[in-house]
Amino acid sequence: MTNRIAIWIALLILAALAADSLIWGSQHLVFLGRKFFALLDWMAFWR
């Protein structure tokens, strides 16, 4: 993956999160954040 593609993907994700937060609020983003950190913790176990 080139830097240009990585930057576009990151901008697309940030724009989607911003639009989602503006339209529906940010409470489910907290839920997803907690699940993401649980996934990181689980992945660290396998390292």
PDB file of N, CA and C in Angstrom:
ATOM      1  N   MET A   1       0.849  -1.163   0.000  1.00  0.00           N
ATOM      2  CA  MET A   1       0.000   0.000   0.000  1.00  0.00           C
ATOM      3  C   MET A   1       0.903   1.236   0.000  1.00  0.00           C
ATOM      4  N   THR A   2       0.605   2.140  -0.865  1.00  0.00           N
ATOM      5  CA  THR A   2       1.402   3.354  -0.937  1.00  0.00           C
ATOM      6  C   THR A   2       0.907   4.364   0.093  1.00  0.00           C
ATOM      7  N   ASN A   3       1.714   5.379   0.327  1.00  0.00           N
ATOM      8  CA  ASN A   3       1.332   6.428   1.280  1.00  0.00           C
ATOM      9  C   ASN A   3       0.082   7.166   0.825  1.00  0.00           C
ATOM     10  N   ARG A   4      -0.046   7.372  -0.467  1.00  0.00           N
ATOM     11  CA  ARG A   4      -1.199   8.094  -1.000  1.00  0.00           C
ATOM     12  C   ARG A   4      -2.500   7.321  -0.710  1.00  0.00           C
ATOM     13  N   ILE A   5      -2.470   6.021  -0.906  1.00  0.00           N
ATOM     14  CA  ILE A   5      -3.656   5.204  -0.635  1.00  0.00           C
ATOM     15  C   ILE A   5      -3.962   5.194   0.857  1.00  0.00           C
ATOM     16  N   ALA A   6      -2.946   5.087   1.697  1.00  0.00           N
ATOM     17  CA  ALA A   6      -3.151   5.077   3.146  1.00  0.00           C
ATOM     18  C   ALA A   6      -3.754   6.388   3.626  1.00  0.00           C
ATOM     19  N   ILE A   7      -3.299   7.495   3.080  1.00  0.00           N
ATOM     20  CA  ILE A   7      -3.851   8.795   3.463  1.00  0.00           C
ATOM     21  C   ILE A   7      -5.310   8.910   3.046  1.00  0.00           C
ATOM     22  N   TRP A   8      -5.646   8.463   1.842  1.00  0.00           N
ATOM     23  CA  TRP A   8      -7.038   8.508   1.382  1.00  0.00           C
ATOM     24  C   TRP A   8      -7.940   7.630   2.234  1.00  0.00           C
ATOM     25  N   ILE A   9      -7.468   6.460   2.599  1.00  0.00           N
ATOM     26  CA  ILE A   9      -8.270   5.575   3.451  1.00  0.00           C
ATOM     27  C   ILE A   9      -8.488   6.204   4.821  1.00  0.00           C
ATOM     28  N   ALA A  10      -7.440   6.788   5.384  1.00  0.00           N
ATOM     29  CA  ALA A  10      -7.560   7.442   6.688  1.00  0.00           C
ATOM     30  C   ALA A  10      -8.533   8.615   6.624  1.00  0.00           C
ATOM     31  N   LEU A  11      -8.457   9.419   5.574  1.00  0.00           N
ATOM     32  CA  LEU A  11      -9.382  10.545   5.428  1.00  0.00           C
ATOM     33  C   LEU A  11     -10.817  10.076   5.240  1.00  0.00           C
ATOM     34  N   LEU A  12     -10.989   9.001   4.512  1.00  0.00           N
ATOM     35  CA  LEU A  12     -12.326   8.449   4.303  1.00  0.00           C
ATOM     36  C   LEU A  12     -12.921   7.938   5.617  1.00  0.00           C
ATOM     37  N   ILE A  13     -12.118   7.264   6.410  1.00  0.00           N
ATOM     38  CA  ILE A  13     -12.592   6.771   7.705  1.00  0.00           C
ATOM     39  C   ILE A  13     -12.928   7.925   8.633  1.00  0.00           C
ATOM     40  N   LEU A  14     -12.074   8.937   8.683  1.00  0.00           N
ATOM     41  CA  LEU A  14     -12.349  10.098   9.536  1.00  0.00           C
ATOM     42  C   LEU A  14     -13.607  10.845   9.103  1.00  0.00           C
ATOM     43  N   ALA A  15     -13.803  10.982   7.803  1.00  0.00           N
ATOM     44  CA  ALA A  15     -15.007  11.647   7.303  1.00  0.00           C
ATOM     45  C   ALA A  15     -16.257  10.837   7.644  1.00  0.00           C
ATOM     46  N   ALA A  16     -16.168   9.517   7.539  1.00  0.00           N
ATOM     47  CA  ALA A  16     -17.312   8.670   7.885  1.00  0.00           C
ATOM     48  C   ALA A  16     -17.629   8.757   9.373  1.00  0.00           C
ATOM     49  N   LEU A  17     -16.608   8.764  10.219  1.00  0.00           N
ATOM     50  CA  LEU A  17     -16.835   8.904  11.655  1.00  0.00           C
ATOM     51  C   LEU A  17     -17.411  10.266  12.008  1.00  0.00           C
ATOM     52  N   ALA A  18     -16.944  11.312  11.364  1.00  0.00           N
ATOM     53  CA  ALA A  18     -17.462  12.651  11.626  1.00  0.00           C
ATOM     54  C   ALA A  18     -18.922  12.765  11.196  1.00  0.00           C
ATOM     55  N   ALA A  19     -19.250  12.250  10.028  1.00  0.00           N
ATOM     56  CA  ALA A  19     -20.634  12.291   9.561  1.00  0.00           C
ATOM     57  C   ALA A  19     -21.535  11.457  10.464  1.00  0.00           C
ATOM     58  N   ASP A  20     -21.069  10.303  10.866  1.00  0.00           N
ATOM     59  CA  ASP A  20     -21.846   9.441  11.748  1.00  0.00           C
ATOM     60  C   ASP A  20     -22.090  10.118  13.087  1.00  0.00           C
ATOM     61  N   SER A  21     -21.076  10.775  13.614  1.00  0.00           N
ATOM     62  CA  SER A  21     -21.201  11.464  14.887  1.00  0.00           C
ATOM     63  C   SER A  21     -22.159  12.652  14.797  1.00  0.00           C
ATOM     64  N   LEU A  22     -22.118  13.359  13.689  1.00  0.00           N
ATOM     65  CA  LEU A  22     -23.023  14.496  13.524  1.00  0.00           C
ATOM     66  C   LEU A  22     -24.474  14.065  13.341  1.00  0.00           C
ATOM     67  N   ILE A  23     -24.686  12.968  12.665  1.00  0.00           N
ATOM     68  CA  ILE A  23     -26.053  12.535  12.371  1.00  0.00           C
ATOM     69  C   ILE A  23     -26.675  11.798  13.547  1.00  0.00           C
ATOM     70  N   TRP A  24     -25.976  10.813  14.116  1.00  0.00           N
ATOM     71  CA  TRP A  24     -26.572   9.960  15.138  1.00  0.00           C
ATOM     72  C   TRP A  24     -25.997  10.126  16.535  1.00  0.00           C
ATOM     73  N   GLY A  25     -25.025  10.984  16.729  1.00  0.00           N
ATOM     74  CA  GLY A  25     -24.426  11.145  18.045  1.00  0.00           C
ATOM     75  C   GLY A  25     -23.224  10.243  18.218  1.00  0.00           C
ATOM     76  N   SER A  26     -22.607  10.348  19.373  1.00  0.00           N
ATOM     77  CA  SER A  26     -21.326   9.672  19.540  1.00  0.00           C
ATOM     78  C   SER A  26     -21.356   8.538  20.565  1.00  0.00           C
ATOM     79  N   GLN A  27     -22.512   8.154  21.073  1.00  0.00           N
ATOM     80  CA  GLN A  27     -22.538   7.117  22.104  1.00  0.00           C
ATOM     81  C   GLN A  27     -22.105   5.755  21.565  1.00  0.00           C
ATOM     82  N   HIS A  28     -22.499   5.418  20.363  1.00  0.00           N
ATOM     83  CA  HIS A  28     -22.091   4.119  19.835  1.00  0.00           C
ATOM     84  C   HIS A  28     -20.615   4.102  19.449  1.00  0.00           C
ATOM     85  N   LEU A  29     -20.021   5.276  19.235  1.00  0.00           N
ATOM     86  CA  LEU A  29     -18.584   5.314  18.981  1.00  0.00           C
ATOM     87  C   LEU A  29     -17.799   4.935  20.234  1.00  0.00           C
ATOM     88  N   VAL A  30     -18.336   5.283  21.406  1.00  0.00           N
ATOM     89  CA  VAL A  30     -17.709   4.875  22.661  1.00  0.00           C
ATOM     90  C   VAL A  30     -17.764   3.356  22.783  1.00  0.00           C
ATOM     91  N   PHE A  31     -18.907   2.762  22.432  1.00  0.00           N
ATOM     92  CA  PHE A  31     -19.048   1.306  22.451  1.00  0.00           C
ATOM     93  C   PHE A  31     -18.039   0.654  21.514  1.00  0.00           C
ATOM     94  N   LEU A  32     -17.930   1.171  20.301  1.00  0.00           N
ATOM     95  CA  LEU A  32     -16.983   0.607  19.350  1.00  0.00           C
ATOM     96  C   LEU A  32     -15.544   0.787  19.811  1.00  0.00           C
ATOM     97  N   GLY A  33     -15.256   1.916  20.445  1.00  0.00           N
ATOM     98  CA  GLY A  33     -13.914   2.138  20.983  1.00  0.00           C
ATOM     99  C   GLY A  33     -13.559   1.131  22.059  1.00  0.00           C
ATOM    100  N   ARG A  34     -14.526   0.851  22.942  1.00  0.00           N
ATOM    101  CA  ARG A  34     -14.282  -0.143  23.990  1.00  0.00           C
ATOM    102  C   ARG A  34     -14.072  -1.532  23.397  1.00  0.00           C
ATOM    103  N   LYS A  35     -14.851  -1.882  22.399  1.00  0.00           N
ATOM    104  CA  LYS A  35     -14.688  -3.185  21.758  1.00  0.00           C
ATOM    105  C   LYS A  35     -13.349  -3.269  21.027  1.00  0.00           C
ATOM    106  N   PHE A  36     -12.915  -2.158  20.442  1.00  0.00           N
ATOM    107  CA  PHE A  36     -11.631  -2.132  19.751  1.00  0.00           C
ATOM    108  C   PHE A  36     -10.483  -2.359  20.736  1.00  0.00           C
ATOM    109  N   PHE A  37     -10.558  -1.708  21.911  1.00  0.00           N
ATOM    110  CA  PHE A  37      -9.504  -1.908  22.901  1.00  0.00           C
ATOM    111  C   PHE A  37      -9.534  -3.318  23.473  1.00  0.00           C
ATOM    112  N   ALA A  38     -10.714  -3.922  23.575  1.00  0.00           N
ATOM    113  CA  ALA A  38     -10.792  -5.324  23.997  1.00  0.00           C
ATOM    114  C   ALA A  38     -10.156  -6.222  22.938  1.00  0.00           C
ATOM    115  N   LEU A  39     -10.372  -5.899  21.672  1.00  0.00           N
ATOM    116  CA  LEU A  39      -9.738  -6.660  20.591  1.00  0.00           C
ATOM    117  C   LEU A  39      -8.218  -6.519  20.645  1.00  0.00           C
ATOM    118  N   LEU A  40      -7.731  -5.307  20.891  1.00  0.00           N
ATOM    119  CA  LEU A  40      -6.281  -5.110  21.006  1.00  0.00           C
ATOM    120  C   LEU A  40      -5.712  -5.906  22.166  1.00  0.00           C
ATOM    121  N   ASP A  41      -6.436  -5.930  23.284  1.00  0.00           N
ATOM    122  CA  ASP A  41      -5.989  -6.697  24.433  1.00  0.00           C
ATOM    123  C   ASP A  41      -5.945  -8.182  24.103  1.00  0.00           C
ATOM    124  N   TRP A  42      -6.947  -8.684  23.386  1.00  0.00           N
ATOM    125  CA  TRP A  42      -6.987 -10.071  22.996  1.00  0.00           C
ATOM    126  C   TRP A  42      -5.854 -10.404  22.019  1.00  0.00           C
ATOM    127  N   MET A  43      -5.572  -9.476  21.103  1.00  0.00           N
ATOM    128  CA  MET A  43      -4.496  -9.707  20.141  1.00  0.00           C
ATOM    129  C   MET A  43      -3.138  -9.677  20.833  1.00  0.00           C
ATOM    130  N   ALA A  44      -2.997  -8.854  21.867  1.00  0.00           N
ATOM    131  CA  ALA A  44      -1.724  -8.786  22.592  1.00  0.00           C
ATOM    132  C   ALA A  44      -1.453 -10.102  23.314  1.00  0.00           C
ATOM    133  N   PHE A  45      -2.504 -10.817  23.692  1.00  0.00           N
ATOM    134  CA  PHE A  45      -2.348 -12.107  24.328  1.00  0.00           C
ATOM    135  C   PHE A  45      -1.647 -13.090  23.393  1.00  0.00           C
ATOM    136  N   TRP A  46      -1.953 -13.030  22.117  1.00  0.00           N
ATOM    137  CA  TRP A  46      -1.394 -13.958  21.151  1.00  0.00           C
ATOM    138  C   TRP A  46       0.000 -13.571  20.692  1.00  0.00           C
ATOM    139  N   ARG A  47       0.448 -12.419  21.058  1.00  0.00           N
ATOM    140  CA  ARG A  47       1.764 -11.962  20.619  1.00  0.00           C
ATOM    141  C   ARG A  47       2.888 -12.624  21.312  1.00  0.00           C
TER     142      ARG A  47
END
